[in-house]
Amino acid sequence: MSMLRSHNKQSGFTLIELMTALSIFAIVMTISMGSILGIFSSNRKSRSLRTVMNNLNSAVESMSKEMRYGTNYHCGSSGTQTAPQNCASGGTYMSFLSSENLQVTYRLTGTTLEKQVASGSYASVTAPEVVIDTLTFYTLGAGITDTLQPKVIIKLQGHAGTKERTDFTIQTLVSQRLLDI
């Protein structure tokens, strides 16, 4: 024991004091490293989620813009139709004539939002990391005999991420720009 309490004449500290200081330093560094690694993990998740949400925002914005300048909204549960049709109870697909007079259809296939232009093949609009659970279109004022300005309500629910799941619900109203007089 006398050896542990002996002073180091050069530094002025006992061996016990040095070991205690070293132990405290090791504990503080371990806790600090755990915090830093946690911050890096949170930052990585935040960037990944931001990328996914930017993709979803871009898809919904593009779809809304096309609908805004389109005409002859047709909402339903399957197929591509060109005749205007209201869908107050909601439908799983939306078809309309674009500003270039091409038939455009949006639908949910599995967990992916897809788009078809002019009877071509369907193409995915959302990234694989975006999982869409439900997509519902509500169309009002699309009928030929009504006096309402045509509009579409889009309601989209889903989630992003597998380990750290983040749920989202997006709802937007798109009104046809061309006056329906």
Protein backbone atom coordinates (compact mmCIF):
# COMPACT_ATOMS: atom_id res chain seq x y z
CA MET A 1 0.00 0.00 0.00
CA SER A 2 2.90 2.31 0.69
CA MET A 3 3.85 1.98 -2.94
CA LEU A 4 0.39 3.23 -4.07
CA ARG A 5 0.57 6.23 -1.78
CA SER A 6 4.08 7.11 -2.72
CA HIS A 7 4.48 10.40 -4.48
CA ASN A 8 5.81 10.74 -7.93
CA LYS A 9 8.38 13.41 -7.28
CA GLN A 10 8.27 14.76 -10.81
CA SER A 11 4.51 15.29 -11.12
CA GLY A 12 3.47 15.72 -7.51
CA PHE A 13 0.52 13.24 -7.79
CA THR A 14 0.05 9.88 -6.12
CA LEU A 15 -0.64 6.82 -8.21
CA ILE A 16 -4.19 6.59 -6.79
CA GLU A 17 -4.91 10.17 -7.84
CA LEU A 18 -3.63 9.46 -11.34
CA MET A 19 -5.71 6.26 -11.63
CA THR A 20 -8.81 8.09 -10.36
CA ALA A 21 -8.32 10.93 -12.83
CA LEU A 22 -7.77 8.46 -15.66
CA SER A 23 -10.92 6.50 -14.70
CA ILE A 24 -13.04 9.66 -14.60
CA PHE A 25 -11.60 10.73 -17.96
CA ALA A 26 -12.43 7.32 -19.48
CA ILE A 27 -16.03 7.47 -18.17
CA VAL A 28 -16.56 11.01 -19.48
CA MET A 29 -15.12 10.08 -22.88
CA THR A 30 -17.31 6.96 -23.13
CA ILE A 31 -20.45 8.98 -22.37
CA SER A 32 -19.38 11.73 -24.78
CA MET A 33 -18.71 9.27 -27.61
CA GLY A 34 -22.12 7.66 -27.07
CA SER A 35 -23.76 11.08 -27.36
CA ILE A 36 -21.80 11.95 -30.50
CA LEU A 37 -22.72 8.64 -32.15
CA GLY A 38 -26.37 9.24 -31.23
CA ILE A 39 -26.25 12.68 -32.84
CA PHE A 40 -24.74 11.22 -36.03
CA SER A 41 -27.47 8.56 -36.15
CA SER A 42 -30.22 11.15 -35.66
CA ASN A 43 -28.71 13.36 -38.35
CA ARG A 44 -28.58 10.44 -40.80
CA LYS A 45 -32.25 9.59 -40.10
CA SER A 46 -33.26 13.23 -40.47
CA ARG A 47 -31.53 13.56 -43.85
CA SER A 48 -33.05 10.31 -45.08
CA LEU A 49 -36.54 11.32 -43.97
CA ARG A 50 -36.13 14.78 -45.55
CA THR A 51 -35.18 13.17 -48.88
CA VAL A 52 -38.22 10.88 -48.76
CA MET A 53 -40.58 13.71 -47.86
CA ASN A 54 -39.11 15.94 -50.60
CA ASN A 55 -39.82 13.17 -53.11
CA LEU A 56 -43.40 12.85 -51.88
CA ASN A 57 -43.89 16.62 -51.89
CA SER A 58 -42.58 16.83 -55.46
CA ALA A 59 -44.90 14.02 -56.62
CA VAL A 60 -48.01 15.58 -55.04
CA GLU A 61 -47.09 19.06 -56.32
CA SER A 62 -46.59 17.77 -59.87
CA MET A 63 -49.87 15.84 -59.78
CA SER A 64 -51.74 18.88 -58.40
CA LYS A 65 -50.31 21.21 -61.02
CA GLU A 66 -51.28 18.88 -63.88
CA MET A 67 -54.81 18.54 -62.50
CA ARG A 68 -55.15 22.30 -62.00
CA TYR A 69 -54.55 22.91 -65.70
CA GLY A 70 -56.49 19.80 -66.80
CA THR A 71 -60.17 19.24 -67.62
CA ASN A 72 -62.74 16.42 -67.73
CA TYR A 73 -61.94 14.95 -64.30
CA HIS A 74 -63.01 11.34 -63.94
CA CYS A 75 -62.70 9.62 -60.60
CA GLY A 76 -63.34 5.93 -60.01
CA SER A 77 -62.02 2.62 -58.85
CA SER A 78 -60.49 1.22 -62.05
CA GLY A 79 -59.81 1.85 -65.72
CA THR A 80 -59.25 5.01 -67.73
CA GLN A 81 -62.28 7.07 -68.66
CA THR A 82 -62.56 10.28 -70.62
CA ALA A 83 -66.11 11.34 -69.67
CA PRO A 84 -66.28 13.73 -66.69
CA GLN A 85 -67.59 12.04 -63.54
CA ASN A 86 -68.10 13.19 -59.97
CA CYS A 87 -66.84 10.98 -57.20
CA ALA A 88 -68.17 12.33 -53.90
CA SER A 89 -67.64 9.01 -52.11
CA GLY A 90 -64.01 8.76 -53.23
CA GLY A 91 -62.12 6.69 -55.76
CA THR A 92 -58.71 5.10 -56.06
CA TYR A 93 -57.77 6.50 -59.46
CA MET A 94 -58.06 9.85 -61.22
CA SER A 95 -58.14 10.41 -64.96
CA PHE A 96 -58.29 13.77 -66.78
CA LEU A 97 -57.28 15.57 -69.96
CA SER A 98 -54.02 17.47 -69.52
CA SER A 99 -53.39 20.97 -70.88
CA GLU A 100 -51.71 19.23 -73.89
CA ASN A 101 -55.00 17.32 -74.48
CA LEU A 102 -53.47 13.99 -73.40
CA GLN A 103 -55.30 11.57 -71.13
CA VAL A 104 -53.45 11.37 -67.78
CA THR A 105 -54.29 8.80 -65.10
CA TYR A 106 -52.99 8.50 -61.54
CA ARG A 107 -53.54 5.40 -59.43
CA LEU A 108 -52.23 3.55 -56.42
CA THR A 109 -50.68 0.17 -57.18
CA GLY A 110 -49.66 -1.67 -54.04
CA THR A 111 -47.87 1.07 -52.10
CA THR A 112 -46.70 3.17 -55.07
CA LEU A 113 -48.30 6.15 -56.81
CA GLU A 114 -48.24 5.57 -60.57
CA LYS A 115 -48.92 7.76 -63.60
CA GLN A 116 -50.02 6.89 -67.12
CA VAL A 117 -49.96 9.33 -70.06
CA ALA A 118 -51.92 8.76 -73.28
CA SER A 119 -52.51 5.00 -72.86
CA GLY A 120 -48.79 4.38 -72.35
CA SER A 121 -47.41 2.22 -69.59
CA TYR A 122 -47.71 3.19 -65.93
CA ALA A 123 -44.61 4.70 -64.32
CA SER A 124 -43.88 5.09 -60.64
CA VAL A 125 -44.05 8.67 -59.38
CA THR A 126 -42.88 8.07 -55.80
CA ALA A 127 -39.61 6.64 -54.52
CA PRO A 128 -39.55 3.07 -53.16
CA GLU A 129 -38.82 4.44 -49.67
CA VAL A 130 -42.25 6.14 -49.65
CA VAL A 131 -44.96 3.66 -48.69
CA ILE A 132 -48.45 4.88 -49.53
CA ASP A 133 -51.11 3.03 -47.54
CA THR A 134 -54.20 4.76 -48.95
CA LEU A 135 -54.84 7.20 -51.79
CA THR A 136 -58.32 8.60 -52.32
CA PHE A 137 -59.55 11.12 -54.88
CA TYR A 138 -62.82 13.01 -54.41
CA THR A 139 -64.17 14.88 -57.44
CA LEU A 140 -66.85 17.56 -57.25
CA GLY A 141 -68.25 19.72 -60.07
CA ALA A 142 -66.97 17.46 -62.85
CA GLY A 143 -70.45 16.62 -64.13
CA ILE A 144 -71.64 18.26 -67.32
CA THR A 145 -74.96 19.51 -65.90
CA ASP A 146 -73.76 21.00 -62.60
CA THR A 147 -72.85 24.64 -61.92
CA LEU A 148 -69.85 23.98 -59.64
CA GLN A 149 -66.27 24.76 -60.58
CA PRO A 150 -64.56 21.33 -60.93
CA LYS A 151 -62.27 20.43 -58.05
CA VAL A 152 -60.43 17.39 -56.77
CA ILE A 153 -59.56 16.57 -53.17
CA ILE A 154 -56.55 14.30 -52.84
CA LYS A 155 -56.05 12.42 -49.57
CA LEU A 156 -52.87 10.39 -49.20
CA GLN A 157 -51.79 8.40 -46.13
CA GLY A 158 -48.59 6.46 -45.74
CA HIS A 159 -45.29 6.13 -43.96
CA ALA A 160 -41.57 6.39 -44.52
CA GLY A 161 -38.77 4.41 -42.95
CA THR A 162 -38.63 0.85 -41.70
CA LYS A 163 -36.71 0.97 -38.43
CA GLU A 164 -37.89 4.44 -37.41
CA ARG A 165 -41.34 4.63 -39.04
CA THR A 166 -42.79 8.09 -39.66
CA ASP A 167 -46.49 8.26 -40.58
CA PHE A 168 -47.90 11.07 -42.69
CA THR A 169 -51.25 12.26 -44.04
CA ILE A 170 -51.45 14.74 -46.89
CA GLN A 171 -54.68 16.31 -48.07
CA THR A 172 -54.93 18.95 -50.76
CA LEU A 173 -57.66 20.59 -52.83
CA VAL A 174 -57.07 21.21 -56.54
CA SER A 175 -59.45 23.48 -58.41
CA GLN A 176 -59.60 23.50 -62.21
CA ARG A 177 -58.13 26.76 -63.53
CA LEU A 178 -60.25 26.91 -66.65
CA LEU A 179 -63.60 28.47 -65.75
CA ASP A 180 -66.48 26.02 -66.02
CA ILE A 181 -69.32 28.37 -67.02
